[in-house]
Amino acid sequence: MNLLPQNAQEIEVVGATVPFYKYEENGVTFIQFDSSKAGHPEPMINAMSGLQTIQGDEKLIMLNSKPPMGLFPKIENEFDFEHEEIKPGLTRVVFSKKGQNTTDTNFNDTTCGGGSCSN
């Protein structure tokens, strides 16, 4: 199942452990990565790396085996997010920056406390 459009171009994202791709669709720029087969703590590391990358109205798409519940509380002051199950074992999470210029996310915090990490 290829979830990337034909116009997707691979980009370098500092700190990432999986490939990231950038593309435009309907006037919106997306940056996308797939951590669905990555083991702990790679999904969290890649999400934080990707979130640092998006600017303005760009959106980050994370494909993962399940919603990254340990990530959401860490970023909710600065980013909006929606997730949907595409098929069993594959969830699509779309992140976007909130309107205000909040910068209180600790992008170095790639741990998952209390066992709430998702891989």
N, C-alpha and C. Protein backbone atom coordinates (compact mmCIF):
# COMPACT_ATOMS: atom_id res chain seq x y z
N MET A 1 0.84 -1.18 0.00
CA MET A 1 0.00 0.00 0.00
C MET A 1 0.89 1.24 0.00
N ASN A 2 0.96 1.93 -1.11
CA ASN A 2 1.76 3.14 -1.21
C ASN A 2 0.87 4.34 -0.88
N LEU A 3 1.21 5.04 0.19
CA LEU A 3 0.42 6.18 0.63
C LEU A 3 1.06 7.51 0.28
N LEU A 4 2.03 7.49 -0.64
CA LEU A 4 2.68 8.72 -1.08
C LEU A 4 2.24 9.04 -2.50
N PRO A 5 1.95 10.32 -2.78
CA PRO A 5 1.63 10.70 -4.16
C PRO A 5 2.89 10.67 -5.02
N GLN A 6 2.70 10.68 -6.32
CA GLN A 6 3.84 10.61 -7.26
C GLN A 6 4.76 11.81 -7.15
N ASN A 7 4.26 12.97 -6.70
CA ASN A 7 5.10 14.15 -6.63
C ASN A 7 5.89 14.25 -5.33
N ALA A 8 5.87 13.23 -4.48
CA ALA A 8 6.60 13.25 -3.21
C ALA A 8 8.11 13.17 -3.46
N GLN A 9 8.84 14.03 -2.77
CA GLN A 9 10.30 14.06 -2.87
C GLN A 9 10.90 13.78 -1.50
N GLU A 10 11.89 12.90 -1.44
CA GLU A 10 12.54 12.62 -0.16
C GLU A 10 13.32 13.85 0.30
N ILE A 11 13.21 14.15 1.59
CA ILE A 11 13.93 15.28 2.18
C ILE A 11 14.73 14.79 3.39
N GLU A 12 15.72 15.58 3.75
CA GLU A 12 16.51 15.26 4.93
C GLU A 12 15.87 15.92 6.15
N VAL A 13 15.68 15.14 7.20
CA VAL A 13 15.17 15.65 8.47
C VAL A 13 16.18 15.27 9.53
N VAL A 14 16.76 16.27 10.18
CA VAL A 14 17.80 16.05 11.18
C VAL A 14 17.26 15.19 12.32
N GLY A 15 18.00 14.13 12.65
CA GLY A 15 17.64 13.25 13.75
C GLY A 15 16.71 12.11 13.37
N ALA A 16 16.20 12.10 12.15
CA ALA A 16 15.25 11.06 11.73
C ALA A 16 15.95 9.72 11.51
N THR A 17 15.19 8.65 11.75
CA THR A 17 15.72 7.30 11.52
C THR A 17 14.98 6.59 10.39
N VAL A 18 13.98 7.26 9.80
CA VAL A 18 13.24 6.74 8.65
C VAL A 18 13.19 7.84 7.59
N PRO A 19 12.93 7.49 6.33
CA PRO A 19 12.83 8.51 5.28
C PRO A 19 11.62 9.44 5.50
N PHE A 20 11.80 10.69 5.16
CA PHE A 20 10.72 11.69 5.17
C PHE A 20 10.52 12.17 3.75
N TYR A 21 9.28 12.49 3.41
CA TYR A 21 8.94 12.95 2.06
C TYR A 21 8.11 14.22 2.16
N LYS A 22 8.30 15.09 1.17
CA LYS A 22 7.56 16.35 1.11
C LYS A 22 6.81 16.40 -0.21
N TYR A 23 5.57 16.87 -0.15
CA TYR A 23 4.77 17.00 -1.37
C TYR A 23 3.67 18.02 -1.13
N GLU A 24 3.11 18.49 -2.24
CA GLU A 24 2.00 19.44 -2.18
C GLU A 24 0.76 18.78 -2.74
N GLU A 25 -0.36 19.02 -2.07
CA GLU A 25 -1.63 18.45 -2.51
C GLU A 25 -2.73 19.47 -2.21
N ASN A 26 -3.47 19.88 -3.21
CA ASN A 26 -4.55 20.86 -3.05
C ASN A 26 -4.09 22.14 -2.35
N GLY A 27 -2.89 22.60 -2.70
CA GLY A 27 -2.36 23.83 -2.15
C GLY A 27 -1.78 23.73 -0.74
N VAL A 28 -1.73 22.52 -0.18
CA VAL A 28 -1.18 22.31 1.16
C VAL A 28 0.11 21.50 1.04
N THR A 29 1.14 21.91 1.78
CA THR A 29 2.41 21.19 1.78
C THR A 29 2.41 20.20 2.93
N PHE A 30 2.72 18.95 2.61
CA PHE A 30 2.77 17.88 3.59
C PHE A 30 4.19 17.34 3.71
N ILE A 31 4.56 16.97 4.91
CA ILE A 31 5.79 16.22 5.16
C ILE A 31 5.32 14.92 5.79
N GLN A 32 5.78 13.80 5.26
CA GLN A 32 5.25 12.50 5.68
C GLN A 32 6.36 11.52 5.99
N PHE A 33 6.12 10.69 6.99
CA PHE A 33 7.04 9.60 7.31
C PHE A 33 6.24 8.40 7.79
N ASP A 34 6.85 7.24 7.70
CA ASP A 34 6.20 5.99 8.09
C ASP A 34 7.05 5.31 9.16
N SER A 35 6.55 5.29 10.39
CA SER A 35 7.23 4.61 11.48
C SER A 35 6.46 3.37 11.93
N SER A 36 5.56 2.89 11.08
CA SER A 36 4.69 1.77 11.45
C SER A 36 5.46 0.48 11.71
N LYS A 37 6.63 0.33 11.14
CA LYS A 37 7.41 -0.88 11.35
C LYS A 37 8.62 -0.63 12.25
N ALA A 38 8.75 0.59 12.75
CA ALA A 38 9.88 0.96 13.61
C ALA A 38 9.58 0.56 15.06
N GLY A 39 10.61 0.18 15.76
CA GLY A 39 10.47 -0.18 17.16
C GLY A 39 10.69 1.01 18.08
N HIS A 40 10.23 0.86 19.31
CA HIS A 40 10.40 1.88 20.34
C HIS A 40 11.88 2.19 20.50
N PRO A 41 12.32 3.43 20.58
CA PRO A 41 11.58 4.70 20.66
C PRO A 41 11.53 5.45 19.34
N GLU A 42 11.79 4.77 18.21
CA GLU A 42 11.89 5.47 16.93
C GLU A 42 10.66 6.28 16.53
N PRO A 43 9.42 5.80 16.73
CA PRO A 43 8.29 6.64 16.35
C PRO A 43 8.30 8.00 17.05
N MET A 44 8.63 8.02 18.34
CA MET A 44 8.67 9.28 19.09
C MET A 44 9.81 10.16 18.57
N ILE A 45 10.97 9.59 18.33
CA ILE A 45 12.12 10.35 17.83
C ILE A 45 11.78 10.98 16.48
N ASN A 46 11.19 10.19 15.59
CA ASN A 46 10.86 10.70 14.25
C ASN A 46 9.75 11.74 14.30
N ALA A 47 8.76 11.54 15.16
CA ALA A 47 7.69 12.54 15.29
C ALA A 47 8.26 13.87 15.77
N MET A 48 9.10 13.83 16.79
CA MET A 48 9.68 15.09 17.30
C MET A 48 10.57 15.75 16.24
N SER A 49 11.33 14.95 15.51
CA SER A 49 12.18 15.50 14.44
C SER A 49 11.31 16.15 13.36
N GLY A 50 10.25 15.47 12.97
CA GLY A 50 9.36 16.00 11.95
C GLY A 50 8.61 17.24 12.40
N LEU A 51 8.16 17.26 13.64
CA LEU A 51 7.43 18.43 14.15
C LEU A 51 8.32 19.67 14.18
N GLN A 52 9.60 19.50 14.42
CA GLN A 52 10.52 20.64 14.39
C GLN A 52 10.70 21.18 12.98
N THR A 53 10.41 20.36 11.99
CA THR A 53 10.64 20.70 10.59
C THR A 53 9.51 21.53 9.98
N ILE A 54 8.27 21.27 10.40
CA ILE A 54 7.15 21.94 9.73
C ILE A 54 7.13 23.43 10.06
N GLN A 55 6.74 24.21 9.05
CA GLN A 55 6.70 25.67 9.18
C GLN A 55 5.36 26.17 8.66
N GLY A 56 4.89 27.24 9.27
CA GLY A 56 3.66 27.88 8.79
C GLY A 56 2.49 26.93 8.72
N ASP A 57 1.91 26.82 7.53
CA ASP A 57 0.72 26.00 7.33
C ASP A 57 1.04 24.57 6.89
N GLU A 58 2.30 24.18 6.89
CA GLU A 58 2.65 22.81 6.51
C GLU A 58 2.03 21.84 7.51
N LYS A 59 1.82 20.63 7.04
CA LYS A 59 1.27 19.57 7.90
C LYS A 59 2.23 18.39 7.89
N LEU A 60 2.33 17.72 9.04
CA LEU A 60 3.15 16.53 9.17
C LEU A 60 2.23 15.32 9.26
N ILE A 61 2.52 14.31 8.44
CA ILE A 61 1.75 13.08 8.47
C ILE A 61 2.65 11.96 8.99
N MET A 62 2.17 11.32 10.04
CA MET A 62 2.86 10.17 10.64
C MET A 62 2.03 8.93 10.38
N LEU A 63 2.64 7.93 9.77
CA LEU A 63 2.00 6.62 9.66
C LEU A 63 2.62 5.76 10.75
N ASN A 64 1.79 5.17 11.57
CA ASN A 64 2.29 4.40 12.70
C ASN A 64 1.38 3.20 12.94
N SER A 65 1.86 2.25 13.71
CA SER A 65 1.08 1.05 13.97
C SER A 65 -0.16 1.34 14.82
N LYS A 66 -0.12 2.40 15.62
CA LYS A 66 -1.26 2.83 16.43
C LYS A 66 -1.04 4.29 16.83
N PRO A 67 -2.07 4.95 17.35
CA PRO A 67 -1.89 6.36 17.74
C PRO A 67 -0.78 6.48 18.79
N PRO A 68 0.10 7.46 18.65
CA PRO A 68 1.19 7.65 19.61
C PRO A 68 0.71 8.42 20.84
N MET A 69 -0.01 7.72 21.72
CA MET A 69 -0.65 8.35 22.86
C MET A 69 0.34 9.03 23.81
N GLY A 70 1.58 8.54 23.89
CA GLY A 70 2.58 9.17 24.73
C GLY A 70 3.07 10.49 24.17
N LEU A 71 2.90 10.70 22.87
CA LEU A 71 3.34 11.93 22.21
C LEU A 71 2.35 13.08 22.40
N PHE A 72 1.08 12.79 22.31
CA PHE A 72 0.06 13.84 22.28
C PHE A 72 0.16 14.84 23.45
N PRO A 73 0.29 14.41 24.70
CA PRO A 73 0.37 15.39 25.79
C PRO A 73 1.62 16.28 25.71
N LYS A 74 2.68 15.79 25.10
CA LYS A 74 3.94 16.55 25.01
C LYS A 74 3.83 17.72 24.03
N ILE A 75 2.91 17.62 23.07
CA ILE A 75 2.87 18.61 21.98
C ILE A 75 1.57 19.38 21.89
N GLU A 76 0.58 19.03 22.70
CA GLU A 76 -0.78 19.57 22.53
C GLU A 76 -0.88 21.08 22.69
N ASN A 77 0.06 21.74 23.35
CA ASN A 77 0.00 23.19 23.48
C ASN A 77 0.41 23.91 22.21
N GLU A 78 1.18 23.23 21.38
CA GLU A 78 1.72 23.88 20.18
C GLU A 78 1.17 23.32 18.87
N PHE A 79 0.66 22.08 18.91
CA PHE A 79 0.22 21.42 17.68
C PHE A 79 -1.19 20.84 17.84
N ASP A 80 -1.95 20.91 16.75
CA ASP A 80 -3.21 20.18 16.64
C ASP A 80 -2.90 18.85 15.97
N PHE A 81 -3.71 17.84 16.24
CA PHE A 81 -3.50 16.53 15.62
C PHE A 81 -4.83 15.79 15.51
N GLU A 82 -4.92 15.02 14.46
CA GLU A 82 -6.07 14.15 14.21
C GLU A 82 -5.52 12.80 13.81
N HIS A 83 -6.18 11.72 14.23
CA HIS A 83 -5.72 10.41 13.80
C HIS A 83 -6.89 9.54 13.38
N GLU A 84 -6.59 8.66 12.44
CA GLU A 84 -7.58 7.72 11.95
C GLU A 84 -6.90 6.40 11.62
N GLU A 85 -7.61 5.31 11.86
CA GLU A 85 -7.09 4.00 11.51
C GLU A 85 -7.36 3.77 10.03
N ILE A 86 -6.29 3.57 9.26
CA ILE A 86 -6.41 3.33 7.83
C ILE A 86 -6.80 1.87 7.58
N LYS A 87 -6.18 0.99 8.33
CA LYS A 87 -6.47 -0.44 8.32
C LYS A 87 -5.93 -0.99 9.64
N PRO A 88 -6.30 -2.19 10.02
CA PRO A 88 -5.76 -2.73 11.28
C PRO A 88 -4.23 -2.70 11.28
N GLY A 89 -3.67 -2.11 12.32
CA GLY A 89 -2.21 -2.03 12.43
C GLY A 89 -1.59 -0.84 11.72
N LEU A 90 -2.41 0.08 11.16
CA LEU A 90 -1.88 1.26 10.50
C LEU A 90 -2.77 2.46 10.78
N THR A 91 -2.19 3.45 11.46
CA THR A 91 -2.89 4.68 11.82
C THR A 91 -2.20 5.86 11.15
N ARG A 92 -3.00 6.80 10.68
CA ARG A 92 -2.50 8.03 10.06
C ARG A 92 -2.77 9.17 11.02
N VAL A 93 -1.71 9.89 11.41
CA VAL A 93 -1.84 11.05 12.29
C VAL A 93 -1.40 12.28 11.51
N VAL A 94 -2.24 13.31 11.50
CA VAL A 94 -1.93 14.56 10.81
C VAL A 94 -1.74 15.64 11.87
N PHE A 95 -0.56 16.26 11.86
CA PHE A 95 -0.21 17.32 12.81
C PHE A 95 -0.15 18.65 12.08
N SER A 96 -0.57 19.72 12.75
CA SER A 96 -0.41 21.07 12.22
C SER A 96 -0.14 22.00 13.39
N LYS A 97 0.60 23.08 13.10
CA LYS A 97 0.90 24.07 14.14
C LYS A 97 -0.36 24.84 14.47
N LYS A 98 -0.50 25.16 15.76
CA LYS A 98 -1.62 26.00 16.17
C LYS A 98 -1.34 27.43 15.73
N GLY A 99 -2.35 28.26 15.68
CA GLY A 99 -2.24 29.62 15.19
C GLY A 99 -1.22 30.49 15.89
N GLN A 100 -1.17 30.42 17.22
CA GLN A 100 -0.24 31.29 17.94
C GLN A 100 1.19 30.76 17.81
N ASN A 101 2.13 31.60 18.12
CA ASN A 101 3.54 31.23 18.01
C ASN A 101 4.04 30.62 19.31
N THR A 102 3.36 29.59 19.78
CA THR A 102 3.78 28.90 21.00
C THR A 102 5.01 28.07 20.68
N THR A 103 5.97 28.09 21.58
CA THR A 103 7.18 27.28 21.38
C THR A 103 7.57 26.62 22.69
N ASP A 104 6.62 25.96 23.34
CA ASP A 104 6.94 25.32 24.62
C ASP A 104 7.14 23.81 24.51
N THR A 105 7.16 23.29 23.30
CA THR A 105 7.40 21.86 23.12
C THR A 105 8.87 21.55 23.33
N ASN A 106 9.15 20.56 24.16
CA ASN A 106 10.51 20.10 24.38
C ASN A 106 10.81 19.01 23.36
N PHE A 107 11.39 19.38 22.24
CA PHE A 107 11.65 18.43 21.17
C PHE A 107 12.72 17.40 21.52
N ASN A 108 13.45 17.63 22.60
CA ASN A 108 14.45 16.66 23.04
C ASN A 108 13.84 15.56 23.90
N ASP A 109 12.59 15.72 24.32
CA ASP A 109 11.92 14.72 25.15
C ASP A 109 11.33 13.65 24.25
N THR A 110 12.11 12.62 24.00
CA THR A 110 11.67 11.53 23.11
C THR A 110 11.41 10.25 23.90
N THR A 111 11.19 10.40 25.21
CA THR A 111 10.87 9.24 26.04
C THR A 111 9.37 9.13 26.19
N CYS A 112 8.94 7.96 26.60
CA CYS A 112 7.53 7.71 26.83
C CYS A 112 7.38 7.26 28.27
N GLY A 113 6.88 8.13 29.12
CA GLY A 113 6.71 7.78 30.52
C GLY A 113 5.52 6.88 30.73
N GLY A 114 5.60 6.06 31.78
CA GLY A 114 4.45 5.25 32.19
C GLY A 114 4.05 4.18 31.21
N GLY A 115 4.93 3.81 30.30
CA GLY A 115 4.60 2.73 29.36
C GLY A 115 3.57 3.11 28.32
N SER A 116 3.35 4.40 28.10
CA SER A 116 2.31 4.82 27.17
C SER A 116 2.84 5.02 25.75
N CYS A 117 4.03 4.56 25.49
CA CYS A 117 4.62 4.72 24.16
C CYS A 117 3.99 3.75 23.18
N SER A 118 3.86 4.19 21.96
CA SER A 118 3.35 3.33 20.89
C SER A 118 4.42 3.16 19.84
N ASN A 119 4.56 1.96 19.36
CA ASN A 119 5.53 1.77 18.27
C ASN A 119 4.84 1.51 16.98
